[in-house]
Protein backbone atom coordinates (compact mmCIF):
# COMPACT_ATOMS: atom_id res chain seq x y z
CA MET A 1 -98.41 -5.56 67.62
CA LEU A 2 -101.68 -7.42 68.12
CA TYR A 3 -103.77 -4.72 66.49
CA ASP A 4 -103.28 -1.14 65.37
CA LEU A 5 -105.47 1.54 66.89
CA ARG A 6 -104.31 4.10 64.32
CA ASN A 7 -106.00 2.19 61.52
CA SER A 8 -108.80 0.56 63.45
CA ASP A 9 -112.47 0.88 62.67
CA LEU A 10 -114.05 4.18 63.70
CA ARG A 11 -116.21 2.32 66.24
CA VAL A 12 -113.13 0.92 68.00
CA ARG A 13 -111.47 4.34 68.15
CA TRP A 14 -114.72 5.87 69.44
CA LEU A 15 -115.01 3.16 72.13
CA VAL A 16 -111.41 3.74 73.27
CA THR A 17 -111.91 7.51 73.28
CA LEU A 18 -115.06 7.27 75.39
CA LEU A 19 -113.40 4.80 77.77
CA LEU A 20 -110.43 7.13 78.22
CA ALA A 21 -112.71 10.13 78.74
CA THR A 22 -114.77 8.27 81.33
CA LEU A 23 -111.70 6.99 83.19
CA GLY A 24 -110.12 10.45 83.05
CA THR A 25 -113.23 12.00 84.56
CA SER A 26 -113.30 9.40 87.33
CA TYR A 27 -109.60 10.01 88.02
CA LEU A 28 -110.26 13.76 88.36
CA PHE A 29 -113.04 13.13 90.86
CA GLY A 30 -110.83 10.58 92.63
CA ALA A 31 -108.09 13.19 92.97
CA TRP A 32 -110.64 15.68 94.29
CA MET A 33 -111.80 13.13 96.87
CA VAL A 34 -108.21 12.36 97.92
CA GLY A 35 -107.64 16.09 98.33
CA LEU A 36 -110.72 16.37 100.53
CA TYR A 37 -110.05 13.37 102.77
CA ALA A 38 -106.35 12.51 102.75
CA GLY A 39 -104.52 15.41 101.14
CA PHE A 40 -101.52 15.43 98.86
CA SER A 41 -98.75 15.86 101.41
CA THR A 42 -96.92 13.09 103.23
CA SER A 43 -97.92 14.60 106.58
CA LYS A 44 -101.65 14.55 105.70
CA VAL A 45 -101.47 11.02 104.29
CA ALA A 46 -99.57 9.86 107.38
CA GLU A 47 -102.19 11.49 109.60
CA THR A 48 -105.01 9.85 107.62
CA TYR A 49 -103.60 6.33 107.52
CA GLY A 50 -101.23 6.26 110.48
CA SER A 51 -102.28 4.42 113.60
CA SER A 52 -102.58 7.29 116.01
CA GLY A 53 -104.59 5.40 118.59
CA GLU A 54 -107.90 6.28 116.99
CA ALA A 55 -110.98 4.49 118.17
CA PRO A 56 -112.04 1.58 115.98
CA MET A 57 -114.61 2.38 113.34
CA VAL A 58 -118.11 1.23 114.19
CA MET A 59 -120.34 0.34 111.26
CA GLN A 60 -123.75 -0.10 112.83
CA MET A 61 -126.70 -1.15 110.77
CA PRO A 62 -129.77 1.05 111.04
CA PRO A 63 -132.66 -0.25 113.13
CA GLU A 64 -135.61 -1.96 111.44
CA THR A 65 -137.52 1.31 111.45
CA THR A 66 -135.61 4.48 110.67
CA VAL A 67 -136.75 8.05 110.50
CA VAL A 68 -134.76 10.21 108.11
CA ALA A 69 -134.77 13.99 108.36
CA GLU A 70 -132.90 16.26 105.99
CA HIS A 71 -131.54 19.66 106.89
CA ALA A 72 -128.83 21.95 105.57
CA VAL A 73 -125.40 21.67 107.17
CA SER A 74 -122.76 24.35 106.80
CA MET A 75 -119.07 23.59 106.36
CA GLY A 76 -118.48 25.19 109.74
CA GLU A 77 -120.69 22.58 111.36
CA MET A 78 -118.73 19.82 109.65
CA GLY A 79 -115.53 20.83 111.40
CA ASP A 80 -111.96 20.81 110.15
CA GLU A 81 -111.05 17.44 111.61
CA GLN A 82 -108.68 15.29 109.60
CA HIS A 83 -110.30 12.17 108.16
CA HIS A 84 -108.83 9.01 109.73
CA VAL A 85 -108.89 5.56 108.16
CA ASP A 86 -108.81 2.73 110.66
CA LYS A 87 -107.76 -0.83 109.85
CA ASP A 88 -111.32 -2.04 109.23
CA LEU A 89 -112.00 0.70 106.70
CA LEU A 90 -108.64 0.06 105.04
CA VAL A 91 -109.55 -3.62 104.67
CA GLN A 92 -112.85 -2.58 103.07
CA ASP A 93 -111.18 -0.04 100.76
CA THR A 94 -108.51 -2.53 99.69
CA HIS A 95 -111.14 -5.21 99.05
CA VAL A 96 -113.18 -2.87 96.84
CA HIS A 97 -110.50 -0.81 95.11
CA MET A 98 -107.78 -3.34 94.26
CA PRO A 99 -109.96 -5.47 91.94
CA MET A 100 -111.30 -2.33 90.26
CA TYR A 101 -107.77 -0.97 89.80
CA ALA A 102 -106.81 -4.29 88.21
CA VAL A 103 -109.72 -4.03 85.75
CA ILE A 104 -108.76 -0.44 84.90
CA ALA A 105 -105.09 -1.41 84.47
CA ALA A 106 -106.13 -4.31 82.23
CA ALA A 107 -108.39 -2.09 80.09
CA LEU A 108 -105.62 0.49 79.69
CA SER A 109 -103.14 -2.30 78.93
CA VAL A 110 -105.36 -3.57 76.10
CA ILE A 111 -105.21 -0.05 74.67
CA VAL A 112 -101.40 -0.09 75.04
CA LEU A 113 -101.30 -3.29 72.96
CA GLY A 114 -102.78 -1.35 70.03
CA LEU A 115 -100.33 1.55 70.20
CA SER A 116 -97.35 1.96 67.96
CA MET A 117 -94.49 1.75 70.47
CA SER A 118 -91.56 -0.53 71.14
CA ARG A 119 -92.10 -3.78 72.98
CA ALA A 120 -89.96 -2.51 75.86
CA SER A 121 -91.98 0.72 76.13
CA GLY A 122 -95.23 -1.24 76.08
CA LEU A 123 -94.01 -3.63 78.77
CA ALA A 124 -92.82 -0.73 80.93
CA LEU A 125 -96.12 1.12 80.55
CA ILE A 126 -98.17 -2.00 81.35
CA GLY A 127 -95.91 -2.61 84.36
CA LEU A 128 -96.51 0.96 85.54
CA LEU A 129 -100.28 0.59 85.18
CA PHE A 130 -100.29 -2.44 87.47
CA ALA A 131 -97.53 -1.33 89.87
CA ALA A 132 -99.22 1.99 90.67
CA PRO A 133 -102.20 0.62 92.65
CA TRP A 134 -99.88 -1.81 94.44
CA LEU A 135 -97.72 1.12 95.52
CA ASP A 136 -100.80 3.09 96.54
CA PHE A 137 -102.22 0.42 98.83
CA ALA A 138 -98.86 -0.90 100.02
CA GLY A 139 -98.13 2.65 101.16
CA MET A 140 -101.44 2.88 103.00
CA TRP A 141 -100.89 -0.44 104.78
CA LEU A 142 -97.24 0.28 105.57
CA THR A 143 -98.19 3.71 106.91
CA LYS A 144 -100.87 2.07 109.05
CA ILE A 145 -98.83 -0.81 110.49
CA VAL A 146 -95.13 0.11 110.15
CA SER A 147 -94.37 3.83 110.03
CA PRO A 148 -95.88 7.16 108.91
CA ARG A 149 -92.79 7.58 106.71
CA PHE A 150 -94.35 5.17 104.20
CA ALA A 151 -96.93 7.83 103.30
CA VAL A 152 -94.57 8.80 100.48
CA VAL A 153 -95.20 5.37 98.90
CA THR A 154 -98.93 6.10 98.81
CA LEU A 155 -98.31 9.43 97.13
CA ALA A 156 -95.95 7.80 94.64
CA GLY A 157 -98.63 5.22 93.79
CA GLY A 158 -101.26 7.87 93.21
CA TRP A 159 -98.98 9.95 91.00
CA ALA A 160 -97.91 6.79 89.14
CA MET A 161 -101.58 6.01 88.38
CA ALA A 162 -102.03 9.52 87.01
CA LEU A 163 -98.83 9.25 84.97
CA GLY A 164 -99.77 5.86 83.49
CA TYR A 165 -103.25 7.03 82.56
CA GLY A 166 -101.90 10.30 81.14
CA ILE A 167 -99.39 8.54 78.91
CA VAL A 168 -101.95 6.04 77.59
CA ALA A 169 -104.58 8.74 77.01
CA ALA A 170 -102.19 11.15 75.27
CA VAL A 171 -100.49 8.58 73.03
CA ALA A 172 -103.72 6.78 72.15
CA THR A 173 -105.59 9.99 71.35
CA TYR A 174 -102.72 11.26 69.21
CA GLN A 175 -102.27 7.99 67.33
CA MET A 176 -105.99 7.33 66.79
CA TRP A 177 -107.09 10.79 65.70
CA TRP A 178 -104.06 12.77 64.47
CA ARG A 179 -101.35 10.38 63.28
CA LYS A 180 -102.40 8.06 60.51
CA GLN A 181 -100.19 5.73 58.48
């Protein structure tokens, strides 16, 4: 073990606790957003990422002079249309999210290095932390360009991210604050 979180300085344990709390909060909001836009069923994910002949996304820049007006909009006015992700948006999402997922997986992996667990368990957990986002985005791309049946891979990736985070957060919190040598 490179270091031992159980017996680390209070400042290190506080840092890890705050990092885990912040990541956990962001994961909860991420799950909420997924629920709003893509759903948690294979059919909804397939509908969101599948290529159903949707029109390409147009990302126009605003004119040099723009007038902005704010007014209340009800949920009824928003409509119940399913959110669709075209290839251009998927490129953008992959470009932005994959590096961030790697940083999150690396930060959680550094925490894993300080936990009291077997080498094999640590390697498996680190592997899960990095495999999860690959599954998530591989599923999105495969659903988009191969078959809607790959939506299950996206769901597996999302649940794997939650599982990896949950294990790290639970074990680290227990070992840092409740189980001392």
